[in-house]
Amino acid sequence: MISPQETLLLVIDVQGKLASSVFHAERVEKNIDKLIRACRILDVPVLYTEQYPKGLGSTVEPLRRLLSGQVPVEKLSFSCCGSEEFMRQLRAFKRNDILVTGMETHVCVYQTSLELLDFGYSVHLVTDAVSSRSEENRQLGIRCIERAGATPTSTEMAVFELLRIAEGEQFKEISKIIKE
């Protein structure tokens, strides 16, 4: 099971025109929003990336607002792990369980997940918080990532697994977020 002390949320390339053109774009963005807010309450760090922002634009405004104060890791490689800066920041958090979200499932999310697994991280693919421009590529990416050894999860499943108990202020705050 994942715990707040061992987990990091990774948001991959939720940018500009790409973000609006993926399958179930609004649902995916809303789920990533919920994850970011829940992780803030539970003190789970968030790391986010942008693939060639000069061409694809920056992270969509609602998520960028939630992540204010943080600078995205810019990358050119499809895998986040191809960026030395990303790997430096990831290692600095000293977290083994990585909740993976973002775009596109069959390219950047897929390649990042495989490399994270190769580096010995436990990858938890948040299947309702990843997407591609087509449902077929989204599903193919999910299947291949799971086959490589990632654990599938959902927004609600991951948040309640991190929370563990249905009491206290954190539970009340997170319950409101999940119900939105």
N, C-alpha and C. Protein backbone atom coordinates (compact mmCIF):
# COMPACT_ATOMS: atom_id res chain seq x y z
N MET A 1 0.83 -1.19 0.00
CA MET A 1 0.00 0.00 0.00
C MET A 1 0.87 1.25 0.00
N ILE A 2 0.36 2.27 -0.66
CA ILE A 2 1.10 3.53 -0.68
C ILE A 2 0.84 4.31 0.61
N SER A 3 1.82 5.14 0.97
CA SER A 3 1.70 5.97 2.17
C SER A 3 2.18 7.38 1.82
N PRO A 4 1.69 8.38 2.55
CA PRO A 4 2.12 9.75 2.28
C PRO A 4 3.63 9.95 2.43
N GLN A 5 4.25 9.17 3.30
CA GLN A 5 5.69 9.33 3.55
C GLN A 5 6.56 8.76 2.43
N GLU A 6 6.00 7.87 1.63
CA GLU A 6 6.79 7.20 0.59
C GLU A 6 6.36 7.54 -0.83
N THR A 7 5.35 8.40 -0.98
CA THR A 7 4.73 8.62 -2.28
C THR A 7 5.01 10.00 -2.83
N LEU A 8 5.08 10.08 -4.16
CA LEU A 8 5.22 11.33 -4.90
C LEU A 8 4.20 11.30 -6.04
N LEU A 9 3.56 12.41 -6.31
CA LEU A 9 2.66 12.54 -7.45
C LEU A 9 3.42 13.15 -8.61
N LEU A 10 3.38 12.47 -9.75
CA LEU A 10 4.04 12.94 -10.97
C LEU A 10 2.96 13.32 -11.99
N VAL A 11 3.00 14.57 -12.44
CA VAL A 11 2.06 15.07 -13.44
C VAL A 11 2.86 15.33 -14.72
N ILE A 12 2.60 14.54 -15.74
CA ILE A 12 3.39 14.58 -16.97
C ILE A 12 2.66 15.34 -18.08
N ASP A 13 3.21 16.48 -18.48
CA ASP A 13 2.89 17.15 -19.74
C ASP A 13 1.41 17.46 -19.99
N VAL A 14 0.73 18.03 -19.02
CA VAL A 14 -0.68 18.41 -19.21
C VAL A 14 -0.66 19.85 -19.74
N GLN A 15 -0.41 19.97 -21.03
CA GLN A 15 -0.07 21.26 -21.64
C GLN A 15 -0.99 21.68 -22.76
N GLY A 16 -1.20 22.96 -22.86
CA GLY A 16 -1.79 23.65 -23.99
C GLY A 16 -2.81 22.88 -24.81
N LYS A 17 -2.61 22.93 -26.11
CA LYS A 17 -3.53 22.32 -27.06
C LYS A 17 -3.63 20.82 -26.88
N LEU A 18 -2.54 20.19 -26.50
CA LEU A 18 -2.56 18.73 -26.30
C LEU A 18 -3.57 18.36 -25.23
N ALA A 19 -3.58 19.10 -24.13
CA ALA A 19 -4.47 18.77 -23.01
C ALA A 19 -5.94 18.83 -23.42
N SER A 20 -6.29 19.74 -24.29
CA SER A 20 -7.69 19.84 -24.70
C SER A 20 -8.07 18.85 -25.79
N SER A 21 -7.09 18.21 -26.41
CA SER A 21 -7.39 17.31 -27.52
C SER A 21 -7.37 15.83 -27.14
N VAL A 22 -7.12 15.51 -25.87
CA VAL A 22 -7.06 14.10 -25.49
C VAL A 22 -8.46 13.56 -25.16
N PHE A 23 -8.57 12.26 -25.16
CA PHE A 23 -9.81 11.57 -24.85
C PHE A 23 -10.23 11.88 -23.41
N HIS A 24 -11.46 12.30 -23.20
CA HIS A 24 -12.00 12.67 -21.88
C HIS A 24 -11.13 13.72 -21.18
N ALA A 25 -10.77 14.76 -21.92
CA ALA A 25 -9.86 15.80 -21.42
C ALA A 25 -10.32 16.42 -20.11
N GLU A 26 -11.58 16.80 -20.02
CA GLU A 26 -12.07 17.46 -18.81
C GLU A 26 -12.00 16.53 -17.60
N ARG A 27 -12.37 15.28 -17.78
CA ARG A 27 -12.34 14.32 -16.67
C ARG A 27 -10.92 14.10 -16.17
N VAL A 28 -9.98 13.96 -17.10
CA VAL A 28 -8.58 13.73 -16.74
C VAL A 28 -8.04 14.94 -15.98
N GLU A 29 -8.28 16.14 -16.48
CA GLU A 29 -7.80 17.34 -15.81
C GLU A 29 -8.43 17.46 -14.42
N LYS A 30 -9.71 17.17 -14.31
CA LYS A 30 -10.40 17.25 -13.01
C LYS A 30 -9.80 16.25 -12.01
N ASN A 31 -9.49 15.05 -12.47
CA ASN A 31 -8.90 14.04 -11.58
C ASN A 31 -7.49 14.42 -11.15
N ILE A 32 -6.72 14.99 -12.05
CA ILE A 32 -5.38 15.45 -11.68
C ILE A 32 -5.49 16.60 -10.67
N ASP A 33 -6.45 17.48 -10.88
CA ASP A 33 -6.71 18.57 -9.94
C ASP A 33 -7.01 18.00 -8.54
N LYS A 34 -7.89 17.02 -8.47
CA LYS A 34 -8.23 16.39 -7.18
C LYS A 34 -7.00 15.77 -6.53
N LEU A 35 -6.19 15.09 -7.33
CA LEU A 35 -4.99 14.45 -6.79
C LEU A 35 -4.01 15.49 -6.22
N ILE A 36 -3.81 16.57 -6.95
CA ILE A 36 -2.88 17.60 -6.48
C ILE A 36 -3.38 18.17 -5.15
N ARG A 37 -4.66 18.51 -5.08
CA ARG A 37 -5.20 19.10 -3.85
C ARG A 37 -5.14 18.11 -2.69
N ALA A 38 -5.47 16.86 -2.92
CA ALA A 38 -5.40 15.85 -1.86
C ALA A 38 -3.95 15.64 -1.41
N CYS A 39 -3.03 15.60 -2.36
CA CYS A 39 -1.62 15.42 -2.01
C CYS A 39 -1.10 16.60 -1.19
N ARG A 40 -1.57 17.79 -1.47
CA ARG A 40 -1.17 18.96 -0.67
C ARG A 40 -1.62 18.77 0.79
N ILE A 41 -2.84 18.31 0.98
CA ILE A 41 -3.38 18.11 2.33
C ILE A 41 -2.57 17.04 3.06
N LEU A 42 -2.14 16.01 2.33
CA LEU A 42 -1.44 14.88 2.95
C LEU A 42 0.08 15.03 2.93
N ASP A 43 0.59 16.19 2.51
CA ASP A 43 2.03 16.45 2.43
C ASP A 43 2.76 15.48 1.50
N VAL A 44 2.11 15.12 0.42
CA VAL A 44 2.73 14.29 -0.62
C VAL A 44 3.29 15.25 -1.67
N PRO A 45 4.58 15.21 -1.96
CA PRO A 45 5.14 16.13 -2.95
C PRO A 45 4.62 15.87 -4.36
N VAL A 46 4.60 16.94 -5.14
CA VAL A 46 4.16 16.87 -6.53
C VAL A 46 5.29 17.36 -7.42
N LEU A 47 5.57 16.62 -8.46
CA LEU A 47 6.58 17.00 -9.45
C LEU A 47 5.87 17.03 -10.79
N TYR A 48 6.07 18.10 -11.57
CA TYR A 48 5.41 18.13 -12.88
C TYR A 48 6.35 18.54 -13.98
N THR A 49 6.02 18.06 -15.19
CA THR A 49 6.90 18.26 -16.33
C THR A 49 6.16 18.91 -17.49
N GLU A 50 6.94 19.49 -18.38
CA GLU A 50 6.42 20.04 -19.62
C GLU A 50 7.32 19.60 -20.76
N GLN A 51 6.70 18.99 -21.76
CA GLN A 51 7.41 18.55 -22.97
C GLN A 51 7.51 19.73 -23.93
N TYR A 52 8.69 20.17 -24.21
CA TYR A 52 8.94 21.24 -25.19
C TYR A 52 7.87 22.34 -25.11
N PRO A 53 7.85 23.10 -24.02
CA PRO A 53 6.79 24.10 -23.82
C PRO A 53 6.74 25.19 -24.89
N LYS A 54 7.84 25.46 -25.57
CA LYS A 54 7.82 26.47 -26.64
C LYS A 54 6.88 26.03 -27.77
N GLY A 55 6.78 24.73 -27.97
CA GLY A 55 5.92 24.21 -29.02
C GLY A 55 4.55 23.78 -28.54
N LEU A 56 4.49 23.18 -27.34
CA LEU A 56 3.23 22.63 -26.84
C LEU A 56 2.53 23.53 -25.83
N GLY A 57 3.16 24.62 -25.45
CA GLY A 57 2.56 25.51 -24.47
C GLY A 57 2.87 25.06 -23.05
N SER A 58 2.39 25.84 -22.10
CA SER A 58 2.64 25.52 -20.70
C SER A 58 1.50 24.69 -20.13
N THR A 59 1.70 24.23 -18.92
CA THR A 59 0.68 23.45 -18.21
C THR A 59 -0.61 24.25 -18.17
N VAL A 60 -1.74 23.56 -18.32
CA VAL A 60 -3.04 24.24 -18.35
C VAL A 60 -3.23 25.08 -17.08
N GLU A 61 -3.88 26.21 -17.26
CA GLU A 61 -3.99 27.21 -16.20
C GLU A 61 -4.52 26.69 -14.87
N PRO A 62 -5.62 25.92 -14.83
CA PRO A 62 -6.11 25.48 -13.52
C PRO A 62 -5.08 24.67 -12.73
N LEU A 63 -4.32 23.83 -13.41
CA LEU A 63 -3.30 23.03 -12.71
C LEU A 63 -2.10 23.90 -12.38
N ARG A 64 -1.72 24.77 -13.29
CA ARG A 64 -0.59 25.66 -13.03
C ARG A 64 -0.86 26.52 -11.80
N ARG A 65 -2.10 26.96 -11.64
CA ARG A 65 -2.48 27.76 -10.46
C ARG A 65 -2.30 26.93 -9.18
N LEU A 66 -2.73 25.66 -9.22
CA LEU A 66 -2.55 24.79 -8.05
C LEU A 66 -1.08 24.55 -7.73
N LEU A 67 -0.26 24.58 -8.76
CA LEU A 67 1.16 24.29 -8.61
C LEU A 67 2.02 25.55 -8.50
N SER A 68 1.36 26.69 -8.24
CA SER A 68 2.11 27.94 -8.15
C SER A 68 3.19 27.82 -7.09
N GLY A 69 4.29 28.44 -7.37
CA GLY A 69 5.44 28.32 -6.46
C GLY A 69 6.38 27.21 -6.88
N GLN A 70 5.93 26.36 -7.79
CA GLN A 70 6.78 25.29 -8.31
C GLN A 70 7.12 25.60 -9.76
N VAL A 71 8.27 25.16 -10.18
CA VAL A 71 8.71 25.34 -11.56
C VAL A 71 8.64 23.97 -12.24
N PRO A 72 8.00 23.89 -13.41
CA PRO A 72 7.95 22.59 -14.09
C PRO A 72 9.33 22.20 -14.60
N VAL A 73 9.55 20.90 -14.70
CA VAL A 73 10.78 20.40 -15.31
C VAL A 73 10.53 20.36 -16.81
N GLU A 74 11.26 21.16 -17.55
CA GLU A 74 11.14 21.15 -19.01
C GLU A 74 11.98 20.01 -19.55
N LYS A 75 11.44 19.35 -20.59
CA LYS A 75 12.15 18.20 -21.15
C LYS A 75 11.94 18.13 -22.65
N LEU A 76 12.84 17.44 -23.31
CA LEU A 76 12.71 17.14 -24.73
C LEU A 76 12.53 15.65 -24.94
N SER A 77 13.07 14.85 -24.04
CA SER A 77 12.90 13.39 -24.15
C SER A 77 11.47 13.04 -23.80
N PHE A 78 10.94 12.00 -24.43
CA PHE A 78 9.58 11.58 -24.11
C PHE A 78 9.50 11.09 -22.67
N SER A 79 10.48 10.30 -22.25
CA SER A 79 10.51 9.85 -20.87
C SER A 79 11.03 10.98 -19.98
N CYS A 80 10.35 11.21 -18.89
CA CYS A 80 10.83 12.21 -17.92
C CYS A 80 12.24 11.84 -17.44
N CYS A 81 12.50 10.55 -17.38
CA CYS A 81 13.79 10.07 -16.87
C CYS A 81 14.95 10.43 -17.78
N GLY A 82 14.67 10.87 -18.99
CA GLY A 82 15.72 11.32 -19.90
C GLY A 82 16.23 12.70 -19.55
N SER A 83 15.58 13.35 -18.62
CA SER A 83 16.01 14.68 -18.16
C SER A 83 16.83 14.55 -16.89
N GLU A 84 18.05 15.04 -16.92
CA GLU A 84 18.90 15.00 -15.72
C GLU A 84 18.27 15.78 -14.58
N GLU A 85 17.64 16.92 -14.90
CA GLU A 85 17.02 17.74 -13.87
C GLU A 85 15.85 17.00 -13.22
N PHE A 86 15.07 16.31 -14.03
CA PHE A 86 13.96 15.53 -13.47
C PHE A 86 14.50 14.46 -12.51
N MET A 87 15.51 13.74 -12.94
CA MET A 87 16.06 12.67 -12.10
C MET A 87 16.66 13.24 -10.82
N ARG A 88 17.30 14.40 -10.92
CA ARG A 88 17.87 15.03 -9.73
C ARG A 88 16.76 15.37 -8.74
N GLN A 89 15.69 16.01 -9.24
CA GLN A 89 14.59 16.38 -8.35
C GLN A 89 13.89 15.15 -7.78
N LEU A 90 13.64 14.16 -8.62
CA LEU A 90 12.98 12.94 -8.17
C LEU A 90 13.78 12.28 -7.04
N ARG A 91 15.06 12.11 -7.25
CA ARG A 91 15.90 11.46 -6.23
C ARG A 91 15.95 12.27 -4.93
N ALA A 92 15.91 13.59 -5.04
CA ALA A 92 15.98 14.45 -3.85
C ALA A 92 14.78 14.23 -2.92
N PHE A 93 13.64 13.85 -3.47
CA PHE A 93 12.45 13.60 -2.64
C PHE A 93 12.55 12.30 -1.85
N LYS A 94 13.39 11.38 -2.31
CA LYS A 94 13.58 10.09 -1.63
C LYS A 94 12.26 9.38 -1.39
N ARG A 95 11.45 9.29 -2.44
CA ARG A 95 10.17 8.59 -2.40
C ARG A 95 10.25 7.43 -3.38
N ASN A 96 9.72 6.27 -2.99
CA ASN A 96 9.78 5.09 -3.85
C ASN A 96 8.51 4.85 -4.65
N ASP A 97 7.37 5.28 -4.13
CA ASP A 97 6.08 5.05 -4.79
C ASP A 97 5.71 6.28 -5.60
N ILE A 98 5.55 6.09 -6.91
CA ILE A 98 5.27 7.21 -7.79
C ILE A 98 3.87 7.05 -8.38
N LEU A 99 2.98 8.01 -8.06
CA LEU A 99 1.66 8.06 -8.68
C LEU A 99 1.83 8.78 -10.01
N VAL A 100 1.58 8.08 -11.11
CA VAL A 100 1.83 8.63 -12.43
C VAL A 100 0.52 9.07 -13.08
N THR A 101 0.50 10.33 -13.54
CA THR A 101 -0.64 10.91 -14.24
C THR A 101 -0.12 11.67 -15.45
N GLY A 102 -1.01 12.02 -16.38
CA GLY A 102 -0.61 12.92 -17.45
C GLY A 102 -0.89 12.44 -18.85
N MET A 103 -0.08 12.97 -19.79
CA MET A 103 -0.33 12.79 -21.21
C MET A 103 0.98 12.58 -21.97
N GLU A 104 1.01 11.95 -23.04
CA GLU A 104 0.04 11.01 -23.54
C GLU A 104 0.39 9.63 -23.03
N THR A 105 -0.64 8.86 -22.74
CA THR A 105 -0.47 7.56 -22.08
C THR A 105 0.48 6.65 -22.84
N HIS A 106 0.37 6.61 -24.16
CA HIS A 106 1.15 5.67 -24.97
C HIS A 106 2.54 6.19 -25.34
N VAL A 107 2.85 7.43 -24.95
CA VAL A 107 4.18 7.98 -25.30
C VAL A 107 4.92 8.36 -24.02
N CYS A 108 4.74 9.57 -23.54
CA CYS A 108 5.51 10.07 -22.40
C CYS A 108 5.20 9.32 -21.11
N VAL A 109 3.93 9.05 -20.85
CA VAL A 109 3.56 8.32 -19.63
C VAL A 109 4.11 6.90 -19.70
N TYR A 110 3.97 6.26 -20.84
CA TYR A 110 4.47 4.90 -21.04
C TYR A 110 5.99 4.83 -20.85
N GLN A 111 6.71 5.66 -21.57
CA GLN A 111 8.17 5.59 -21.52
C GLN A 111 8.70 5.96 -20.13
N THR A 112 8.09 6.94 -19.50
CA THR A 112 8.49 7.31 -18.13
C THR A 112 8.24 6.16 -17.17
N SER A 113 7.07 5.57 -17.25
CA SER A 113 6.72 4.46 -16.34
C SER A 113 7.70 3.31 -16.47
N LEU A 114 8.04 2.95 -17.70
CA LEU A 114 8.97 1.84 -17.90
C LEU A 114 10.34 2.16 -17.32
N GLU A 115 10.82 3.37 -17.53
CA GLU A 115 12.13 3.72 -16.99
C GLU A 115 12.11 3.81 -15.47
N LEU A 116 11.02 4.35 -14.90
CA LEU A 116 10.92 4.38 -13.43
C LEU A 116 10.95 2.96 -12.87
N LEU A 117 10.24 2.06 -13.51
CA LEU A 117 10.27 0.65 -13.07
C LEU A 117 11.68 0.08 -13.18
N ASP A 118 12.37 0.38 -14.27
CA ASP A 118 13.75 -0.08 -14.45
C ASP A 118 14.68 0.46 -13.36
N PHE A 119 14.42 1.68 -12.90
CA PHE A 119 15.22 2.29 -11.84
C PHE A 119 14.83 1.78 -10.45
N GLY A 120 13.82 0.92 -10.37
CA GLY A 120 13.43 0.33 -9.09
C GLY A 120 12.31 1.03 -8.35
N TYR A 121 11.69 2.02 -8.97
CA TYR A 121 10.54 2.68 -8.35
C TYR A 121 9.29 1.83 -8.48
N SER A 122 8.37 1.99 -7.56
CA SER A 122 7.06 1.37 -7.66
C SER A 122 6.15 2.37 -8.37
N VAL A 123 5.67 1.98 -9.52
CA VAL A 123 4.84 2.87 -10.32
C VAL A 123 3.38 2.50 -10.10
N HIS A 124 2.58 3.52 -9.77
CA HIS A 124 1.14 3.37 -9.57
C HIS A 124 0.48 4.24 -10.63
N LEU A 125 -0.03 3.61 -11.67
CA LEU A 125 -0.62 4.33 -12.80
C LEU A 125 -2.06 4.70 -12.47
N VAL A 126 -2.34 5.99 -12.39
CA VAL A 126 -3.68 6.47 -12.07
C VAL A 126 -4.47 6.49 -13.39
N THR A 127 -5.17 5.40 -13.66
CA THR A 127 -5.75 5.18 -14.98
C THR A 127 -6.82 6.18 -15.38
N ASP A 128 -7.49 6.81 -14.42
CA ASP A 128 -8.48 7.82 -14.78
C ASP A 128 -7.88 9.23 -14.80
N ALA A 129 -6.56 9.31 -14.72
CA ALA A 129 -5.85 10.59 -14.77
C ALA A 129 -4.73 10.57 -15.80
N VAL A 130 -4.89 9.71 -16.81
CA VAL A 130 -3.98 9.66 -17.96
C VAL A 130 -4.83 9.62 -19.22
N SER A 131 -4.28 10.12 -20.32
CA SER A 131 -5.03 10.05 -21.57
C SER A 131 -4.11 10.25 -22.77
N SER A 132 -4.70 9.96 -23.92
CA SER A 132 -4.06 10.16 -25.22
C SER A 132 -5.11 10.76 -26.16
N ARG A 133 -4.67 11.16 -27.34
CA ARG A 133 -5.62 11.75 -28.27
C ARG A 133 -6.68 10.75 -28.73
N SER A 134 -6.38 9.47 -28.68
CA SER A 134 -7.40 8.47 -29.01
C SER A 134 -7.56 7.50 -27.85
N GLU A 135 -8.76 6.98 -27.70
CA GLU A 135 -9.03 6.00 -26.65
C GLU A 135 -8.21 4.73 -26.88
N GLU A 136 -8.02 4.36 -28.14
CA GLU A 136 -7.24 3.16 -28.46
C GLU A 136 -5.80 3.29 -27.94
N ASN A 137 -5.16 4.44 -28.18
CA ASN A 137 -3.79 4.63 -27.68
C ASN A 137 -3.75 4.73 -26.17
N ARG A 138 -4.77 5.33 -25.57
CA ARG A 138 -4.86 5.39 -24.11
C ARG A 138 -4.90 3.98 -23.53
N GLN A 139 -5.79 3.16 -24.04
CA GLN A 139 -5.93 1.79 -23.55
C GLN A 139 -4.66 0.97 -23.79
N LEU A 140 -4.07 1.11 -24.97
CA LEU A 140 -2.84 0.39 -25.27
C LEU A 140 -1.73 0.79 -24.30
N GLY A 141 -1.59 2.07 -24.04
CA GLY A 141 -0.58 2.54 -23.09
C GLY A 141 -0.81 1.95 -21.71
N ILE A 142 -2.05 1.99 -21.23
CA ILE A 142 -2.37 1.44 -19.91
C ILE A 142 -2.01 -0.04 -19.84
N ARG A 143 -2.43 -0.80 -20.85
CA ARG A 143 -2.14 -2.25 -20.85
C ARG A 143 -0.64 -2.52 -20.83
N CYS A 144 0.11 -1.80 -21.64
CA CYS A 144 1.56 -2.04 -21.71
C CYS A 144 2.26 -1.64 -20.41
N ILE A 145 1.82 -0.55 -19.80
CA ILE A 145 2.42 -0.12 -18.53
C ILE A 145 2.11 -1.13 -17.43
N GLU A 146 0.88 -1.62 -17.38
CA GLU A 146 0.52 -2.64 -16.38
C GLU A 146 1.32 -3.92 -16.61
N ARG A 147 1.43 -4.32 -17.87
CA ARG A 147 2.17 -5.54 -18.20
C ARG A 147 3.64 -5.43 -17.79
N ALA A 148 4.17 -4.21 -17.83
CA ALA A 148 5.58 -3.99 -17.44
C ALA A 148 5.78 -4.05 -15.93
N GLY A 149 4.67 -3.99 -15.16
CA GLY A 149 4.81 -4.14 -13.71
C GLY A 149 4.23 -3.02 -12.87
N ALA A 150 3.59 -2.04 -13.49
CA ALA A 150 2.97 -0.96 -12.72
C ALA A 150 1.68 -1.45 -12.09
N THR A 151 1.31 -0.83 -10.99
CA THR A 151 0.06 -1.13 -10.30
C THR A 151 -1.00 -0.16 -10.77
N PRO A 152 -2.11 -0.66 -11.31
CA PRO A 152 -3.18 0.26 -11.71
C PRO A 152 -3.94 0.77 -10.49
N THR A 153 -4.36 2.01 -10.54
CA THR A 153 -5.15 2.60 -9.47
C THR A 153 -6.04 3.66 -10.10
N SER A 154 -6.88 4.29 -9.29
CA SER A 154 -7.72 5.39 -9.76
C SER A 154 -7.52 6.56 -8.81
N THR A 155 -8.06 7.69 -9.17
CA THR A 155 -7.94 8.87 -8.32
C THR A 155 -8.46 8.59 -6.91
N GLU A 156 -9.70 8.12 -6.83
CA GLU A 156 -10.29 7.85 -5.51
C GLU A 156 -9.53 6.76 -4.77
N MET A 157 -9.20 5.70 -5.46
CA MET A 157 -8.50 4.58 -4.82
C MET A 157 -7.17 5.05 -4.22
N ALA A 158 -6.41 5.81 -4.99
CA ALA A 158 -5.10 6.29 -4.52
C ALA A 158 -5.25 7.24 -3.34
N VAL A 159 -6.20 8.17 -3.43
CA VAL A 159 -6.38 9.15 -2.36
C VAL A 159 -6.80 8.47 -1.06
N PHE A 160 -7.75 7.56 -1.13
CA PHE A 160 -8.20 6.89 0.09
C PHE A 160 -7.16 5.90 0.62
N GLU A 161 -6.33 5.37 -0.26
CA GLU A 161 -5.23 4.52 0.20
C GLU A 161 -4.20 5.36 0.96
N LEU A 162 -3.93 6.56 0.45
CA LEU A 162 -3.02 7.46 1.16
C LEU A 162 -3.61 7.91 2.49
N LEU A 163 -4.90 8.15 2.51
CA LEU A 163 -5.59 8.66 3.70
C LEU A 163 -5.71 7.61 4.80
N ARG A 164 -6.05 6.40 4.43
CA ARG A 164 -6.18 5.22 5.31
C ARG A 164 -7.38 5.21 6.27
N ILE A 165 -7.75 6.36 6.87
CA ILE A 165 -8.83 6.35 7.87
C ILE A 165 -9.90 7.39 7.53
N ALA A 166 -11.12 7.09 7.93
CA ALA A 166 -12.26 7.96 7.64
C ALA A 166 -12.61 8.81 8.85
N GLU A 167 -11.62 9.58 9.29
CA GLU A 167 -11.88 10.48 10.42
C GLU A 167 -10.88 11.62 10.39
N GLY A 168 -11.21 12.68 11.08
CA GLY A 168 -10.29 13.81 11.22
C GLY A 168 -10.46 14.85 10.13
N GLU A 169 -9.71 15.93 10.28
CA GLU A 169 -9.80 17.06 9.36
C GLU A 169 -9.35 16.71 7.95
N GLN A 170 -8.28 15.92 7.83
CA GLN A 170 -7.82 15.54 6.50
C GLN A 170 -8.92 14.78 5.75
N PHE A 171 -9.57 13.86 6.44
CA PHE A 171 -10.66 13.11 5.82
C PHE A 171 -11.78 14.04 5.36
N LYS A 172 -12.15 14.99 6.19
CA LYS A 172 -13.23 15.92 5.84
C LYS A 172 -12.87 16.74 4.62
N GLU A 173 -11.64 17.27 4.59
CA GLU A 173 -11.20 18.08 3.45
C GLU A 173 -11.14 17.26 2.18
N ILE A 174 -10.58 16.06 2.28
CA ILE A 174 -10.42 15.22 1.09
C ILE A 174 -11.78 14.71 0.60
N SER A 175 -12.68 14.42 1.50
CA SER A 175 -14.02 13.98 1.10
C SER A 175 -14.70 15.03 0.24
N LYS A 176 -14.56 16.29 0.62
CA LYS A 176 -15.13 17.38 -0.18
C LYS A 176 -14.54 17.42 -1.59
N ILE A 177 -13.24 17.22 -1.66
CA ILE A 177 -12.56 17.23 -2.96
C ILE A 177 -13.07 16.09 -3.84
N ILE A 178 -13.15 14.90 -3.27
CA ILE A 178 -13.56 13.71 -4.04
C ILE A 178 -14.99 13.84 -4.53
N LYS A 179 -15.86 14.46 -3.75
CA LYS A 179 -17.28 14.57 -4.11
C LYS A 179 -17.53 15.59 -5.23
N GLU A 180 -16.58 16.43 -5.53
CA GLU A 180 -16.76 17.46 -6.56
C GLU A 180 -16.96 16.86 -7.94
